[in-house]
N, C-alpha and C. Protein backbone atom coordinates (compact mmCIF):
# COMPACT_ATOMS: atom_id res chain seq x y z
N MET A 1 18.72 80.68 -10.50
CA MET A 1 17.91 80.60 -9.31
C MET A 1 17.72 79.13 -8.96
N SER A 2 17.94 78.80 -7.71
CA SER A 2 17.82 77.40 -7.30
C SER A 2 16.36 76.98 -7.27
N THR A 3 16.15 75.68 -7.38
CA THR A 3 14.79 75.14 -7.34
C THR A 3 14.14 75.46 -6.00
N ASP A 4 14.90 75.38 -4.90
CA ASP A 4 14.35 75.69 -3.58
C ASP A 4 13.87 77.14 -3.50
N THR A 5 14.65 78.06 -4.06
CA THR A 5 14.27 79.47 -4.05
C THR A 5 13.02 79.68 -4.89
N LEU A 6 12.98 79.06 -6.06
CA LEU A 6 11.82 79.20 -6.94
C LEU A 6 10.55 78.68 -6.27
N VAL A 7 10.65 77.52 -5.64
CA VAL A 7 9.50 76.95 -4.94
C VAL A 7 9.07 77.85 -3.79
N ALA A 8 10.03 78.36 -3.01
CA ALA A 8 9.71 79.26 -1.90
C ALA A 8 9.04 80.53 -2.41
N ASP A 9 9.53 81.09 -3.51
CA ASP A 9 8.92 82.29 -4.09
C ASP A 9 7.49 82.02 -4.53
N ARG A 10 7.26 80.90 -5.18
CA ARG A 10 5.91 80.57 -5.65
C ARG A 10 4.96 80.39 -4.47
N ILE A 11 5.41 79.79 -3.40
CA ILE A 11 4.57 79.62 -2.20
C ILE A 11 4.26 80.98 -1.59
N GLU A 12 5.25 81.85 -1.49
CA GLU A 12 5.02 83.18 -0.93
C GLU A 12 4.06 83.99 -1.79
N ILE A 13 4.14 83.85 -3.10
CA ILE A 13 3.23 84.58 -3.99
C ILE A 13 1.81 84.01 -3.86
N ALA A 14 1.67 82.71 -3.74
CA ALA A 14 0.35 82.12 -3.50
C ALA A 14 -0.23 82.65 -2.19
N ASP A 15 0.60 82.73 -1.16
CA ASP A 15 0.15 83.29 0.13
C ASP A 15 -0.25 84.74 -0.03
N LEU A 16 0.45 85.49 -0.87
CA LEU A 16 0.11 86.89 -1.12
C LEU A 16 -1.32 87.00 -1.65
N PHE A 17 -1.68 86.15 -2.60
CA PHE A 17 -3.04 86.19 -3.15
C PHE A 17 -4.07 85.81 -2.09
N THR A 18 -3.75 84.87 -1.23
CA THR A 18 -4.65 84.51 -0.14
C THR A 18 -4.80 85.66 0.84
N ARG A 19 -3.70 86.31 1.19
CA ARG A 19 -3.77 87.46 2.10
C ARG A 19 -4.60 88.58 1.49
N PHE A 20 -4.49 88.79 0.19
CA PHE A 20 -5.28 89.81 -0.48
C PHE A 20 -6.78 89.49 -0.39
N ALA A 21 -7.16 88.25 -0.67
CA ALA A 21 -8.56 87.85 -0.59
C ALA A 21 -9.10 88.04 0.83
N ARG A 22 -8.33 87.65 1.82
CA ARG A 22 -8.77 87.81 3.21
C ARG A 22 -8.85 89.27 3.61
N LEU A 23 -7.92 90.08 3.15
CA LEU A 23 -7.97 91.52 3.42
C LEU A 23 -9.29 92.09 2.91
N LEU A 24 -9.68 91.70 1.69
CA LEU A 24 -10.93 92.18 1.13
C LEU A 24 -12.13 91.70 1.95
N ASP A 25 -12.16 90.41 2.27
CA ASP A 25 -13.30 89.84 3.00
C ASP A 25 -13.42 90.39 4.42
N GLU A 26 -12.30 90.65 5.05
CA GLU A 26 -12.30 91.13 6.44
C GLU A 26 -12.26 92.66 6.52
N LYS A 27 -12.19 93.32 5.38
CA LYS A 27 -12.17 94.79 5.29
C LYS A 27 -11.06 95.39 6.16
N ARG A 28 -9.88 94.77 6.08
CA ARG A 28 -8.72 95.24 6.85
C ARG A 28 -7.89 96.20 5.99
N TRP A 29 -8.47 97.32 5.65
CA TRP A 29 -7.82 98.28 4.76
C TRP A 29 -6.49 98.77 5.32
N GLN A 30 -6.36 98.83 6.63
CA GLN A 30 -5.12 99.30 7.25
C GLN A 30 -3.95 98.35 6.97
N ASP A 31 -4.23 97.15 6.49
CA ASP A 31 -3.18 96.18 6.20
C ASP A 31 -2.84 96.12 4.70
N ALA A 32 -3.31 97.09 3.94
CA ALA A 32 -3.10 97.08 2.49
C ALA A 32 -1.62 97.01 2.13
N ASP A 33 -0.77 97.58 2.98
CA ASP A 33 0.67 97.56 2.68
C ASP A 33 1.28 96.16 2.82
N THR A 34 0.51 95.20 3.33
CA THR A 34 1.00 93.82 3.40
C THR A 34 0.77 93.06 2.10
N VAL A 35 0.01 93.67 1.18
CA VAL A 35 -0.23 93.03 -0.12
C VAL A 35 0.15 93.90 -1.30
N PHE A 36 0.12 95.23 -1.14
CA PHE A 36 0.40 96.13 -2.25
C PHE A 36 1.71 96.86 -2.07
N ALA A 37 2.41 97.08 -3.17
CA ALA A 37 3.56 97.99 -3.18
C ALA A 37 3.00 99.42 -3.08
N ASP A 38 3.80 100.33 -2.55
CA ASP A 38 3.34 101.72 -2.40
C ASP A 38 2.92 102.33 -3.73
N ASP A 39 3.60 101.96 -4.81
CA ASP A 39 3.31 102.53 -6.12
C ASP A 39 2.39 101.65 -6.97
N VAL A 40 1.53 100.89 -6.30
CA VAL A 40 0.63 99.96 -6.98
C VAL A 40 -0.25 100.69 -8.00
N GLU A 41 -0.57 99.96 -9.07
CA GLU A 41 -1.54 100.41 -10.06
C GLU A 41 -2.59 99.31 -10.18
N VAL A 42 -3.86 99.70 -10.07
CA VAL A 42 -4.96 98.75 -10.23
C VAL A 42 -5.84 99.25 -11.36
N HIS A 43 -6.15 98.36 -12.28
CA HIS A 43 -7.00 98.67 -13.42
C HIS A 43 -8.23 97.77 -13.34
N SER A 44 -9.42 98.39 -13.28
CA SER A 44 -10.65 97.61 -13.22
C SER A 44 -11.78 98.40 -13.84
N PRO A 45 -12.82 97.71 -14.32
CA PRO A 45 -13.96 98.42 -14.89
C PRO A 45 -14.66 99.34 -13.88
N ARG A 46 -14.74 98.93 -12.63
CA ARG A 46 -15.42 99.75 -11.62
C ARG A 46 -14.59 100.93 -11.16
N GLY A 47 -13.30 100.72 -10.94
CA GLY A 47 -12.46 101.78 -10.39
C GLY A 47 -11.67 102.56 -11.42
N GLY A 48 -11.66 102.07 -12.65
CA GLY A 48 -10.82 102.71 -13.66
C GLY A 48 -9.37 102.41 -13.38
N GLU A 49 -8.53 103.43 -13.47
CA GLU A 49 -7.11 103.28 -13.22
C GLU A 49 -6.76 103.99 -11.91
N LEU A 50 -6.36 103.22 -10.93
CA LEU A 50 -6.00 103.76 -9.62
C LEU A 50 -4.49 103.62 -9.45
N ARG A 51 -3.84 104.70 -9.04
CA ARG A 51 -2.38 104.69 -8.86
C ARG A 51 -2.05 105.08 -7.43
N GLY A 52 -1.28 104.23 -6.77
CA GLY A 52 -0.85 104.50 -5.40
C GLY A 52 -1.73 103.81 -4.38
N ILE A 53 -1.10 103.37 -3.32
CA ILE A 53 -1.80 102.58 -2.31
C ILE A 53 -2.94 103.37 -1.66
N ASP A 54 -2.77 104.67 -1.45
CA ASP A 54 -3.82 105.48 -0.83
C ASP A 54 -5.08 105.54 -1.70
N LYS A 55 -4.91 105.67 -3.01
CA LYS A 55 -6.06 105.71 -3.92
C LYS A 55 -6.77 104.36 -3.95
N VAL A 56 -5.99 103.28 -3.95
CA VAL A 56 -6.58 101.93 -3.97
C VAL A 56 -7.37 101.69 -2.69
N VAL A 57 -6.79 102.03 -1.55
CA VAL A 57 -7.48 101.85 -0.28
C VAL A 57 -8.74 102.71 -0.23
N GLY A 58 -8.65 103.94 -0.69
CA GLY A 58 -9.82 104.82 -0.71
C GLY A 58 -10.95 104.22 -1.53
N PHE A 59 -10.62 103.64 -2.67
CA PHE A 59 -11.63 103.02 -3.51
C PHE A 59 -12.26 101.82 -2.82
N MET A 60 -11.44 101.00 -2.16
CA MET A 60 -11.98 99.83 -1.46
C MET A 60 -12.91 100.25 -0.33
N ARG A 61 -12.52 101.27 0.43
CA ARG A 61 -13.39 101.77 1.51
C ARG A 61 -14.71 102.29 0.95
N GLN A 62 -14.63 103.01 -0.14
CA GLN A 62 -15.80 103.61 -0.77
C GLN A 62 -16.80 102.54 -1.24
N GLY A 63 -16.30 101.36 -1.57
CA GLY A 63 -17.15 100.29 -2.09
C GLY A 63 -17.89 99.50 -1.02
N GLU A 64 -17.64 99.79 0.24
CA GLU A 64 -18.31 99.05 1.32
C GLU A 64 -19.81 99.31 1.29
N VAL A 65 -20.59 98.25 1.51
CA VAL A 65 -22.04 98.35 1.62
C VAL A 65 -22.42 97.84 3.00
N GLU A 66 -23.15 98.65 3.75
CA GLU A 66 -23.55 98.31 5.12
C GLU A 66 -24.22 96.94 5.18
N GLY A 67 -23.71 96.06 6.02
CA GLY A 67 -24.29 94.75 6.24
C GLY A 67 -23.93 93.70 5.20
N GLN A 68 -23.24 94.09 4.15
CA GLN A 68 -22.87 93.13 3.11
C GLN A 68 -21.48 92.59 3.35
N GLN A 69 -21.35 91.29 3.21
CA GLN A 69 -20.07 90.61 3.37
C GLN A 69 -19.66 90.02 2.02
N THR A 70 -18.38 89.70 1.89
CA THR A 70 -17.90 89.03 0.69
C THR A 70 -17.06 87.82 1.07
N GLN A 71 -17.02 86.89 0.16
CA GLN A 71 -16.12 85.74 0.29
C GLN A 71 -15.44 85.58 -1.07
N HIS A 72 -14.12 85.83 -1.10
CA HIS A 72 -13.34 85.70 -2.32
C HIS A 72 -12.63 84.35 -2.32
N LEU A 73 -12.80 83.60 -3.38
CA LEU A 73 -12.11 82.33 -3.56
C LEU A 73 -11.18 82.47 -4.75
N THR A 74 -9.91 82.27 -4.54
CA THR A 74 -8.91 82.39 -5.61
C THR A 74 -8.53 81.00 -6.08
N THR A 75 -8.47 80.83 -7.40
CA THR A 75 -8.18 79.51 -7.95
C THR A 75 -7.33 79.64 -9.22
N ASP A 76 -6.75 78.54 -9.61
CA ASP A 76 -5.97 78.45 -10.85
C ASP A 76 -4.87 79.51 -10.92
N LEU A 77 -4.18 79.70 -9.80
CA LEU A 77 -3.08 80.66 -9.76
C LEU A 77 -1.92 80.14 -10.60
N LEU A 78 -1.46 80.98 -11.50
CA LEU A 78 -0.34 80.64 -12.35
C LEU A 78 0.73 81.71 -12.15
N VAL A 79 1.94 81.29 -11.78
CA VAL A 79 3.01 82.23 -11.44
C VAL A 79 4.25 81.92 -12.28
N GLU A 80 4.82 82.99 -12.84
CA GLU A 80 6.06 82.87 -13.59
C GLU A 80 7.07 83.84 -12.97
N VAL A 81 8.01 83.30 -12.20
CA VAL A 81 8.99 84.13 -11.49
C VAL A 81 10.17 84.43 -12.39
N ASP A 82 10.59 85.69 -12.37
CA ASP A 82 11.77 86.13 -13.11
C ASP A 82 12.59 87.04 -12.18
N GLY A 83 13.43 86.43 -11.38
CA GLY A 83 14.24 87.19 -10.42
C GLY A 83 13.38 87.79 -9.33
N ASP A 84 13.40 89.13 -9.23
CA ASP A 84 12.65 89.83 -8.18
C ASP A 84 11.29 90.33 -8.66
N GLN A 85 10.82 89.77 -9.78
CA GLN A 85 9.52 90.15 -10.31
C GLN A 85 8.84 88.87 -10.80
N ALA A 86 7.52 88.87 -10.78
CA ALA A 86 6.79 87.71 -11.28
C ALA A 86 5.50 88.17 -11.94
N ALA A 87 5.09 87.40 -12.93
CA ALA A 87 3.77 87.58 -13.54
C ALA A 87 2.87 86.53 -12.93
N ALA A 88 1.69 86.95 -12.50
CA ALA A 88 0.77 86.02 -11.86
C ALA A 88 -0.64 86.27 -12.39
N SER A 89 -1.37 85.19 -12.59
CA SER A 89 -2.77 85.33 -12.97
C SER A 89 -3.58 84.32 -12.19
N ALA A 90 -4.85 84.67 -11.98
CA ALA A 90 -5.73 83.79 -11.21
C ALA A 90 -7.18 84.09 -11.56
N TYR A 91 -8.03 83.16 -11.22
CA TYR A 91 -9.47 83.37 -11.30
C TYR A 91 -9.98 83.56 -9.88
N SER A 92 -11.03 84.35 -9.75
CA SER A 92 -11.66 84.54 -8.45
C SER A 92 -13.16 84.39 -8.58
N LEU A 93 -13.73 83.75 -7.60
CA LEU A 93 -15.18 83.72 -7.44
C LEU A 93 -15.47 84.60 -6.24
N VAL A 94 -16.42 85.50 -6.38
CA VAL A 94 -16.76 86.41 -5.28
C VAL A 94 -18.24 86.25 -4.97
N PHE A 95 -18.50 85.91 -3.72
CA PHE A 95 -19.87 85.76 -3.24
C PHE A 95 -20.19 86.95 -2.34
N TYR A 96 -21.31 87.61 -2.60
CA TYR A 96 -21.79 88.73 -1.78
C TYR A 96 -22.98 88.23 -0.98
N TYR A 97 -22.94 88.41 0.32
CA TYR A 97 -23.99 87.86 1.17
C TYR A 97 -24.21 88.73 2.40
N ARG A 98 -25.30 88.49 3.07
CA ARG A 98 -25.57 89.10 4.37
C ARG A 98 -25.43 88.00 5.40
N GLU A 99 -24.95 88.33 6.56
CA GLU A 99 -24.65 87.35 7.62
C GLU A 99 -25.80 86.35 7.78
N GLY A 100 -25.46 85.06 7.70
CA GLY A 100 -26.43 84.00 7.91
C GLY A 100 -27.34 83.72 6.71
N GLN A 101 -27.12 84.41 5.59
CA GLN A 101 -27.97 84.21 4.41
C GLN A 101 -27.13 83.72 3.24
N ALA A 102 -27.80 83.07 2.32
CA ALA A 102 -27.12 82.62 1.09
C ALA A 102 -26.72 83.84 0.26
N PRO A 103 -25.72 83.70 -0.59
CA PRO A 103 -25.30 84.83 -1.42
C PRO A 103 -26.46 85.37 -2.28
N HIS A 104 -26.51 86.70 -2.40
CA HIS A 104 -27.51 87.34 -3.25
C HIS A 104 -26.90 87.78 -4.59
N PHE A 105 -25.58 87.72 -4.68
CA PHE A 105 -24.89 88.11 -5.91
C PHE A 105 -23.58 87.36 -5.97
N THR A 106 -23.22 86.88 -7.15
CA THR A 106 -21.99 86.12 -7.33
C THR A 106 -21.32 86.60 -8.61
N GLY A 107 -20.00 86.65 -8.60
CA GLY A 107 -19.28 87.05 -9.79
C GLY A 107 -18.01 86.25 -9.96
N GLY A 108 -17.62 86.08 -11.21
CA GLY A 108 -16.36 85.44 -11.54
C GLY A 108 -15.49 86.45 -12.25
N LEU A 109 -14.21 86.47 -11.90
CA LEU A 109 -13.31 87.41 -12.55
C LEU A 109 -11.93 86.82 -12.69
N ARG A 110 -11.15 87.46 -13.55
CA ARG A 110 -9.76 87.06 -13.78
C ARG A 110 -8.87 88.22 -13.40
N THR A 111 -7.80 87.93 -12.70
CA THR A 111 -6.83 88.95 -12.37
C THR A 111 -5.49 88.58 -12.99
N THR A 112 -4.82 89.59 -13.51
CA THR A 112 -3.44 89.43 -13.95
C THR A 112 -2.63 90.46 -13.17
N SER A 113 -1.52 90.03 -12.66
CA SER A 113 -0.75 90.89 -11.77
C SER A 113 0.74 90.82 -12.05
N THR A 114 1.39 91.92 -11.74
CA THR A 114 2.84 91.94 -11.64
C THR A 114 3.15 92.07 -10.17
N VAL A 115 3.91 91.13 -9.65
CA VAL A 115 4.29 91.18 -8.24
C VAL A 115 5.81 91.34 -8.17
N VAL A 116 6.25 92.05 -7.12
CA VAL A 116 7.67 92.33 -6.96
C VAL A 116 8.14 91.94 -5.57
N ARG A 117 9.40 91.55 -5.52
CA ARG A 117 10.01 91.24 -4.23
C ARG A 117 10.46 92.56 -3.59
N THR A 118 10.03 92.80 -2.37
CA THR A 118 10.45 93.99 -1.62
C THR A 118 11.16 93.54 -0.36
N SER A 119 11.68 94.48 0.39
CA SER A 119 12.35 94.12 1.65
C SER A 119 11.37 93.50 2.64
N ALA A 120 10.06 93.74 2.44
CA ALA A 120 9.03 93.18 3.33
C ALA A 120 8.40 91.91 2.75
N GLY A 121 8.87 91.47 1.58
CA GLY A 121 8.30 90.28 0.94
C GLY A 121 7.66 90.64 -0.39
N TRP A 122 6.99 89.69 -1.00
CA TRP A 122 6.35 89.90 -2.30
C TRP A 122 5.14 90.80 -2.14
N ARG A 123 4.98 91.74 -3.09
CA ARG A 123 3.85 92.68 -3.08
C ARG A 123 3.33 92.85 -4.50
N ILE A 124 2.03 93.16 -4.61
CA ILE A 124 1.41 93.42 -5.90
C ILE A 124 1.77 94.83 -6.34
N ARG A 125 2.40 94.96 -7.50
CA ARG A 125 2.73 96.28 -8.04
C ARG A 125 1.69 96.72 -9.06
N GLU A 126 1.17 95.78 -9.84
CA GLU A 126 0.14 96.12 -10.82
C GLU A 126 -0.87 94.99 -10.88
N GLN A 127 -2.15 95.37 -11.00
CA GLN A 127 -3.20 94.36 -11.09
C GLN A 127 -4.27 94.81 -12.07
N ARG A 128 -4.65 93.89 -12.93
CA ARG A 128 -5.75 94.13 -13.88
C ARG A 128 -6.86 93.15 -13.54
N ILE A 129 -8.05 93.69 -13.36
CA ILE A 129 -9.21 92.88 -12.97
C ILE A 129 -10.19 92.89 -14.13
N THR A 130 -10.55 91.69 -14.60
CA THR A 130 -11.47 91.55 -15.72
C THR A 130 -12.63 90.67 -15.32
N PRO A 131 -13.83 91.25 -15.20
CA PRO A 131 -15.00 90.42 -14.87
C PRO A 131 -15.29 89.44 -16.00
N ALA A 132 -15.67 88.21 -15.64
CA ALA A 132 -16.03 87.20 -16.62
C ALA A 132 -17.54 87.03 -16.69
N TRP A 133 -18.20 87.06 -15.52
CA TRP A 133 -19.65 86.87 -15.46
C TRP A 133 -20.16 87.32 -14.10
N THR A 134 -21.46 87.57 -14.02
CA THR A 134 -22.13 87.86 -12.75
C THR A 134 -23.49 87.17 -12.75
N ARG A 135 -23.98 86.94 -11.55
CA ARG A 135 -25.30 86.32 -11.42
C ARG A 135 -25.96 86.84 -10.15
N GLU A 136 -27.18 87.34 -10.31
CA GLU A 136 -27.98 87.69 -9.14
C GLU A 136 -28.70 86.44 -8.70
N ASN A 137 -28.58 86.12 -7.43
CA ASN A 137 -29.17 84.86 -6.92
C ASN A 137 -30.54 85.09 -6.35
C-alpha cells in the first residue's frame, strides 16, 4: 500500500469518527448508513449487544431525552489500516446539556472499532464502547 493511500485512508477514517459524533449530536438517525455498515455490531453497557443498523438506530432513537442535547468530542484517535479493514480506537468526552445552559452531566469513554472499506467509503462494522468515568455537574 502506498504512503499516499495509507494517509488518505487514515484521513477518511478520522472523518468517519467526526461524522459519527455529529450524527449523534444532531440526532440525524436517517444518516446512520453514512457511518455504519449494514451488518454493524455495537457492544455497550447501556445497549448490550446490538446487531444490524436498524437495531442500532432504534436504540439511539430510544435514548433521546426531550430538550437534552449532547456534544461529543473525539480525541486520541489511533488507526491501524490493514488493506480494506482497520482497527481504530479513540476517547470521547460527552457533554449533556440543555440549550443555553452549562452541561448537567459529563462522561468519558473509550471506543474500539473495526472499520471496513465499502463501495460508499469507510464504515464502522463493529464498535465496543467502554465508559471510563461520569460526573454530574
